[in-house]
Amino acid sequence: MSDRTYPDDPAESFEAPPLTFEDYEEREIEIRPYDGSDAEEEALVEMYEAFDPADRAQGIPPGKEERIRAWLSNILTEDCLNVIAWDGETAAGHATLVPDDDAYELAIFVLQAYQRSGIGTRLMHALLGYGRAEGVEKVWLTVERWNHPAVNLYQQTGFETSNAESFELEMTIRLR
């Protein structure tokens, strides 16, 4: 058990996937849970191989194919919850909830070509809606404090800072 603090009240409700929307660039984006197929895993490997190294934080996502596959094998499991944003057959973004003691750690990644188009917000909300539907109560994440767009997104979603003692902020949200 961690000593993390969580808000007393649950956050707003979030729509669970599958869902479809038009992003700011007028692309039709579908968000759906990871289906466990080889095709979806391969699409994620391709997405992470194309990931801009400048967007990597805390060593993730890894940069080399072998390390990407090893990392994905740890998070594309039955005990983790994963959602993918699709632009046709292209994985544009991926978000995951990974169990950690009595809570889940959230990680979200959006390819550079799809950033600032509303996909990250919708992807995170869909993941939280999926988590709530699957019985997840508490979620936490860490973010580099100078990543103002991400910090603002998390705050607007309902995350609260629970620890600001390092160069990373730890933020938490209660879903139930």
C-alpha atoms as a PDB file:
ATOM      1  CA  MET A   1       0.000   0.000   0.000  1.00  0.00           C
ATOM      2  CA  SER A   2       1.262   3.447  -0.858  1.00  0.00           C
ATOM      3  CA  ASP A   3       0.896   6.627   1.144  1.00  0.00           C
ATOM      4  CA  ARG A   4      -0.560   8.462  -1.853  1.00  0.00           C
ATOM      5  CA  THR A   5      -3.515  10.736  -1.124  1.00  0.00           C
ATOM      6  CA  TYR A   6      -6.601  10.728  -3.329  1.00  0.00           C
ATOM      7  CA  PRO A   7      -9.462  13.194  -3.611  1.00  0.00           C
ATOM      8  CA  ASP A   8     -12.380  12.384  -1.311  1.00  0.00           C
ATOM      9  CA  ASP A   9     -14.992  12.725  -4.049  1.00  0.00           C
ATOM     10  CA  PRO A  10     -15.144  10.840  -7.342  1.00  0.00           C
ATOM     11  CA  ALA A  11     -14.429  12.759 -10.536  1.00  0.00           C
ATOM     12  CA  GLU A  12     -17.056  13.485 -13.151  1.00  0.00           C
ATOM     13  CA  SER A  13     -18.227  10.575 -15.241  1.00  0.00           C
ATOM     14  CA  PHE A  14     -16.346   9.768 -18.413  1.00  0.00           C
ATOM     15  CA  GLU A  15     -17.690   8.075 -21.533  1.00  0.00           C
ATOM     16  CA  ALA A  16     -16.379   4.542 -21.907  1.00  0.00           C
ATOM     17  CA  PRO A  17     -15.196   3.281 -25.298  1.00  0.00           C
ATOM     18  CA  PRO A  18     -15.858   2.437 -28.010  1.00  0.00           C
ATOM     19  CA  LEU A  19     -16.465   5.963 -29.241  1.00  0.00           C
ATOM     20  CA  THR A  20     -15.878   7.916 -32.419  1.00  0.00           C
ATOM     21  CA  PHE A  21     -15.288  11.640 -32.848  1.00  0.00           C
ATOM     22  CA  GLU A  22     -13.827  14.133 -35.281  1.00  0.00           C
ATOM     23  CA  ASP A  23     -10.574  15.685 -34.075  1.00  0.00           C
ATOM     24  CA  TYR A  24      -9.584  19.331 -34.635  1.00  0.00           C
ATOM     25  CA  GLU A  25      -7.960  18.327 -37.939  1.00  0.00           C
ATOM     26  CA  GLU A  26     -11.285  16.815 -39.127  1.00  0.00           C
ATOM     27  CA  ARG A  27      -9.980  13.242 -38.936  1.00  0.00           C
ATOM     28  CA  GLU A  28     -12.453  10.603 -37.799  1.00  0.00           C
ATOM     29  CA  ILE A  29     -10.887   8.996 -34.736  1.00  0.00           C
ATOM     30  CA  GLU A  30     -12.176   5.839 -33.097  1.00  0.00           C
ATOM     31  CA  ILE A  31     -11.202   4.960 -29.534  1.00  0.00           C
ATOM     32  CA  ARG A  32     -11.703   1.375 -28.475  1.00  0.00           C
ATOM     33  CA  PRO A  33     -10.282  -1.058 -25.935  1.00  0.00           C
ATOM     34  CA  TYR A  34      -7.282  -3.118 -27.020  1.00  0.00           C
ATOM     35  CA  ASP A  35      -8.651  -6.399 -28.392  1.00  0.00           C
ATOM     36  CA  GLY A  36      -5.611  -8.601 -27.752  1.00  0.00           C
ATOM     37  CA  SER A  37      -4.984  -9.255 -31.445  1.00  0.00           C
ATOM     38  CA  ASP A  38      -1.576  -9.490 -33.077  1.00  0.00           C
ATOM     39  CA  ALA A  39      -2.701  -6.825 -35.579  1.00  0.00           C
ATOM     40  CA  GLU A  40      -3.398  -4.285 -32.833  1.00  0.00           C
ATOM     41  CA  GLU A  41      -0.131  -5.107 -31.056  1.00  0.00           C
ATOM     42  CA  GLU A  42       1.795  -4.642 -34.317  1.00  0.00           C
ATOM     43  CA  ALA A  43       0.053  -1.295 -34.895  1.00  0.00           C
ATOM     44  CA  LEU A  44       1.200  -0.189 -31.432  1.00  0.00           C
ATOM     45  CA  VAL A  45       4.774  -1.317 -32.140  1.00  0.00           C
ATOM     46  CA  GLU A  46       4.697   0.795 -35.329  1.00  0.00           C
ATOM     47  CA  MET A  47       3.283   3.760 -33.412  1.00  0.00           C
ATOM     48  CA  TYR A  48       5.993   3.582 -30.768  1.00  0.00           C
ATOM     49  CA  GLU A  49       8.763   3.140 -33.366  1.00  0.00           C
ATOM     50  CA  ALA A  50       7.555   6.426 -34.926  1.00  0.00           C
ATOM     51  CA  PHE A  51       7.335   8.175 -31.539  1.00  0.00           C
ATOM     52  CA  ASP A  52       9.300  11.420 -31.307  1.00  0.00           C
ATOM     53  CA  PRO A  53      12.240  10.934 -28.883  1.00  0.00           C
ATOM     54  CA  ALA A  54      11.577  14.446 -27.525  1.00  0.00           C
ATOM     55  CA  ASP A  55       8.171  13.233 -26.303  1.00  0.00           C
ATOM     56  CA  ARG A  56       9.612  10.388 -24.257  1.00  0.00           C
ATOM     57  CA  ALA A  57       9.456  10.867 -20.499  1.00  0.00           C
ATOM     58  CA  GLN A  58      10.771   8.740 -17.643  1.00  0.00           C
ATOM     59  CA  GLY A  59      12.257   6.330 -20.196  1.00  0.00           C
ATOM     60  CA  ILE A  60       8.963   5.487 -21.864  1.00  0.00           C
ATOM     61  CA  PRO A  61       8.055   4.591 -24.391  1.00  0.00           C
ATOM     62  CA  PRO A  62      11.290   2.774 -25.195  1.00  0.00           C
ATOM     63  CA  GLY A  63      12.966   3.616 -28.487  1.00  0.00           C
ATOM     64  CA  LYS A  64      14.116   0.335 -30.013  1.00  0.00           C
ATOM     65  CA  GLU A  65      11.756  -2.316 -31.414  1.00  0.00           C
ATOM     66  CA  GLU A  66      12.982  -5.099 -29.117  1.00  0.00           C
ATOM     67  CA  ARG A  67      12.527  -2.911 -26.021  1.00  0.00           C
ATOM     68  CA  ILE A  68       9.143  -1.645 -27.275  1.00  0.00           C
ATOM     69  CA  ARG A  69       7.930  -5.245 -27.638  1.00  0.00           C
ATOM     70  CA  ALA A  70       9.194  -6.172 -24.162  1.00  0.00           C
ATOM     71  CA  TRP A  71       7.524  -3.101 -22.634  1.00  0.00           C
ATOM     72  CA  LEU A  72       4.241  -3.783 -24.439  1.00  0.00           C
ATOM     73  CA  SER A  73       4.311  -7.403 -23.256  1.00  0.00           C
ATOM     74  CA  ASN A  74       4.155  -6.025 -19.694  1.00  0.00           C
ATOM     75  CA  ILE A  75       1.193  -3.693 -20.276  1.00  0.00           C
ATOM     76  CA  LEU A  76      -0.897  -5.494 -22.889  1.00  0.00           C
ATOM     77  CA  THR A  77      -1.999  -8.062 -20.318  1.00  0.00           C
ATOM     78  CA  GLU A  78      -5.364  -9.012 -18.863  1.00  0.00           C
ATOM     79  CA  ASP A  79      -4.762  -7.133 -15.610  1.00  0.00           C
ATOM     80  CA  CYS A  80      -4.009  -3.848 -17.422  1.00  0.00           C
ATOM     81  CA  LEU A  81      -6.634  -1.747 -19.180  1.00  0.00           C
ATOM     82  CA  ASN A  82      -5.629  -0.364 -22.589  1.00  0.00           C
ATOM     83  CA  VAL A  83      -7.397   1.867 -25.094  1.00  0.00           C
ATOM     84  CA  ILE A  84      -6.169   2.879 -28.522  1.00  0.00           C
ATOM     85  CA  ALA A  85      -7.081   5.903 -30.665  1.00  0.00           C
ATOM     86  CA  TRP A  86      -7.341   4.859 -34.311  1.00  0.00           C
ATOM     87  CA  ASP A  87      -7.117   6.977 -37.449  1.00  0.00           C
ATOM     88  CA  GLY A  88      -8.264   4.279 -39.849  1.00  0.00           C
ATOM     89  CA  GLU A  89      -5.698   1.480 -39.406  1.00  0.00           C
ATOM     90  CA  THR A  90      -3.113   3.796 -37.808  1.00  0.00           C
ATOM     91  CA  ALA A  91      -2.678   3.812 -34.032  1.00  0.00           C
ATOM     92  CA  ALA A  92      -2.578   7.547 -33.243  1.00  0.00           C
ATOM     93  CA  GLY A  93      -2.535   7.215 -29.465  1.00  0.00           C
ATOM     94  CA  HIS A  94      -2.526   4.698 -26.644  1.00  0.00           C
ATOM     95  CA  ALA A  95      -3.408   4.955 -22.965  1.00  0.00           C
ATOM     96  CA  THR A  96      -3.071   2.343 -20.250  1.00  0.00           C
ATOM     97  CA  LEU A  97      -3.993   1.727 -16.627  1.00  0.00           C
ATOM     98  CA  VAL A  98      -1.473  -0.544 -14.910  1.00  0.00           C
ATOM     99  CA  PRO A  99      -2.345  -2.064 -11.519  1.00  0.00           C
ATOM    100  CA  ASP A 100      -0.176  -0.847  -8.634  1.00  0.00           C
ATOM    101  CA  ASP A 101      -1.137  -1.950  -5.109  1.00  0.00           C
ATOM    102  CA  ASP A 102      -4.655  -0.645  -4.477  1.00  0.00           C
ATOM    103  CA  ALA A 103      -4.690   1.745  -7.457  1.00  0.00           C
ATOM    104  CA  TYR A 104      -3.763   1.997 -11.138  1.00  0.00           C
ATOM    105  CA  GLU A 105      -1.006   4.027 -12.757  1.00  0.00           C
ATOM    106  CA  LEU A 106      -2.024   5.923 -15.895  1.00  0.00           C
ATOM    107  CA  ALA A 107       0.212   6.459 -18.908  1.00  0.00           C
ATOM    108  CA  ILE A 108      -0.866   8.119 -22.145  1.00  0.00           C
ATOM    109  CA  PHE A 109       0.948   8.584 -25.454  1.00  0.00           C
ATOM    110  CA  VAL A 110      -0.122  10.437 -28.594  1.00  0.00           C
ATOM    111  CA  LEU A 111       1.966  10.509 -31.774  1.00  0.00           C
ATOM    112  CA  GLN A 112       3.368  13.951 -32.540  1.00  0.00           C
ATOM    113  CA  ALA A 113       1.328  14.286 -35.767  1.00  0.00           C
ATOM    114  CA  TYR A 114      -1.856  13.887 -33.699  1.00  0.00           C
ATOM    115  CA  GLN A 115      -0.982  16.116 -30.747  1.00  0.00           C
ATOM    116  CA  ARG A 116      -2.939  19.309 -30.085  1.00  0.00           C
ATOM    117  CA  SER A 117      -5.945  17.928 -31.981  1.00  0.00           C
ATOM    118  CA  GLY A 118      -8.118  16.870 -29.028  1.00  0.00           C
ATOM    119  CA  ILE A 119      -7.152  13.206 -29.197  1.00  0.00           C
ATOM    120  CA  GLY A 120      -5.229  13.120 -25.909  1.00  0.00           C
ATOM    121  CA  THR A 121      -8.148  14.533 -23.937  1.00  0.00           C
ATOM    122  CA  ARG A 122     -10.665  12.148 -25.490  1.00  0.00           C
ATOM    123  CA  LEU A 123      -8.272   9.206 -25.133  1.00  0.00           C
ATOM    124  CA  MET A 124      -7.681   9.861 -21.438  1.00  0.00           C
ATOM    125  CA  HIS A 125     -11.377  10.389 -20.740  1.00  0.00           C
ATOM    126  CA  ALA A 126     -12.212   7.138 -22.578  1.00  0.00           C
ATOM    127  CA  LEU A 127      -9.580   5.266 -20.546  1.00  0.00           C
ATOM    128  CA  LEU A 128     -10.975   6.639 -17.276  1.00  0.00           C
ATOM    129  CA  GLY A 129     -14.530   5.754 -18.379  1.00  0.00           C
ATOM    130  CA  TYR A 130     -13.335   2.249 -19.237  1.00  0.00           C
ATOM    131  CA  GLY A 131     -11.544   2.014 -15.886  1.00  0.00           C
ATOM    132  CA  ARG A 132     -14.629   3.081 -13.947  1.00  0.00           C
ATOM    133  CA  ALA A 133     -16.770   0.556 -15.874  1.00  0.00           C
ATOM    134  CA  GLU A 134     -14.219  -2.149 -14.961  1.00  0.00           C
ATOM    135  CA  GLY A 135     -14.316  -1.252 -11.253  1.00  0.00           C
ATOM    136  CA  VAL A 136     -11.179   0.891 -10.949  1.00  0.00           C
ATOM    137  CA  GLU A 137     -11.452   3.237  -7.970  1.00  0.00           C
ATOM    138  CA  LYS A 138      -8.152   5.135  -7.778  1.00  0.00           C
ATOM    139  CA  VAL A 139      -5.714   6.273 -10.486  1.00  0.00           C
ATOM    140  CA  TRP A 140      -2.379   8.059 -10.223  1.00  0.00           C
ATOM    141  CA  LEU A 141       0.270   9.345 -12.600  1.00  0.00           C
ATOM    142  CA  THR A 142       3.496  11.276 -12.651  1.00  0.00           C
ATOM    143  CA  VAL A 143       4.241  14.134 -15.011  1.00  0.00           C
ATOM    144  CA  GLU A 144       7.254  16.366 -15.448  1.00  0.00           C
ATOM    145  CA  ARG A 145       6.291  19.648 -13.824  1.00  0.00           C
ATOM    146  CA  TRP A 146       7.415  21.705 -16.843  1.00  0.00           C
ATOM    147  CA  ASN A 147       5.064  19.777 -19.158  1.00  0.00           C
ATOM    148  CA  HIS A 148       2.381  22.458 -18.794  1.00  0.00           C
ATOM    149  CA  PRO A 149       0.009  21.141 -21.503  1.00  0.00           C
ATOM    150  CA  ALA A 150      -0.108  17.724 -19.795  1.00  0.00           C
ATOM    151  CA  VAL A 151      -0.429  19.176 -16.282  1.00  0.00           C
ATOM    152  CA  ASN A 152      -3.308  21.397 -17.469  1.00  0.00           C
ATOM    153  CA  LEU A 153      -5.018  18.450 -19.167  1.00  0.00           C
ATOM    154  CA  TYR A 154      -4.773  16.341 -16.016  1.00  0.00           C
ATOM    155  CA  GLN A 155      -6.066  19.176 -13.820  1.00  0.00           C
ATOM    156  CA  GLN A 156      -8.986  19.858 -16.183  1.00  0.00           C
ATOM    157  CA  THR A 157      -9.822  16.148 -16.068  1.00  0.00           C
ATOM    158  CA  GLY A 158     -10.017  16.192 -12.270  1.00  0.00           C
ATOM    159  CA  PHE A 159      -6.559  15.038 -11.196  1.00  0.00           C
ATOM    160  CA  GLU A 160      -5.164  16.733  -8.089  1.00  0.00           C
ATOM    161  CA  THR A 161      -1.498  17.082  -7.147  1.00  0.00           C
ATOM    162  CA  SER A 162      -0.666  14.673  -4.339  1.00  0.00           C
ATOM    163  CA  ASN A 163       3.114  15.127  -4.277  1.00  0.00           C
ATOM    164  CA  ALA A 164       5.168  17.994  -5.695  1.00  0.00           C
ATOM    165  CA  GLU A 165       8.467  17.348  -3.943  1.00  0.00           C
ATOM    166  CA  SER A 166      10.535  16.379  -6.991  1.00  0.00           C
ATOM    167  CA  PHE A 167      10.928  17.468 -10.616  1.00  0.00           C
ATOM    168  CA  GLU A 168       7.858  15.333 -11.311  1.00  0.00           C
ATOM    169  CA  LEU A 169       4.382  15.972 -10.021  1.00  0.00           C
ATOM    170  CA  GLU A 170       2.403  13.033  -8.741  1.00  0.00           C
ATOM    171  CA  MET A 171      -1.305  13.470  -9.427  1.00  0.00           C
ATOM    172  CA  THR A 172      -4.298  11.398  -8.381  1.00  0.00           C
ATOM    173  CA  ILE A 173      -7.991  11.008  -9.190  1.00  0.00           C
ATOM    174  CA  ARG A 174     -10.811   8.967  -7.656  1.00  0.00           C
ATOM    175  CA  LEU A 175     -13.206   7.304 -10.106  1.00  0.00           C
ATOM    176  CA  ARG A 176     -15.644   5.719  -7.617  1.00  0.00           C
END
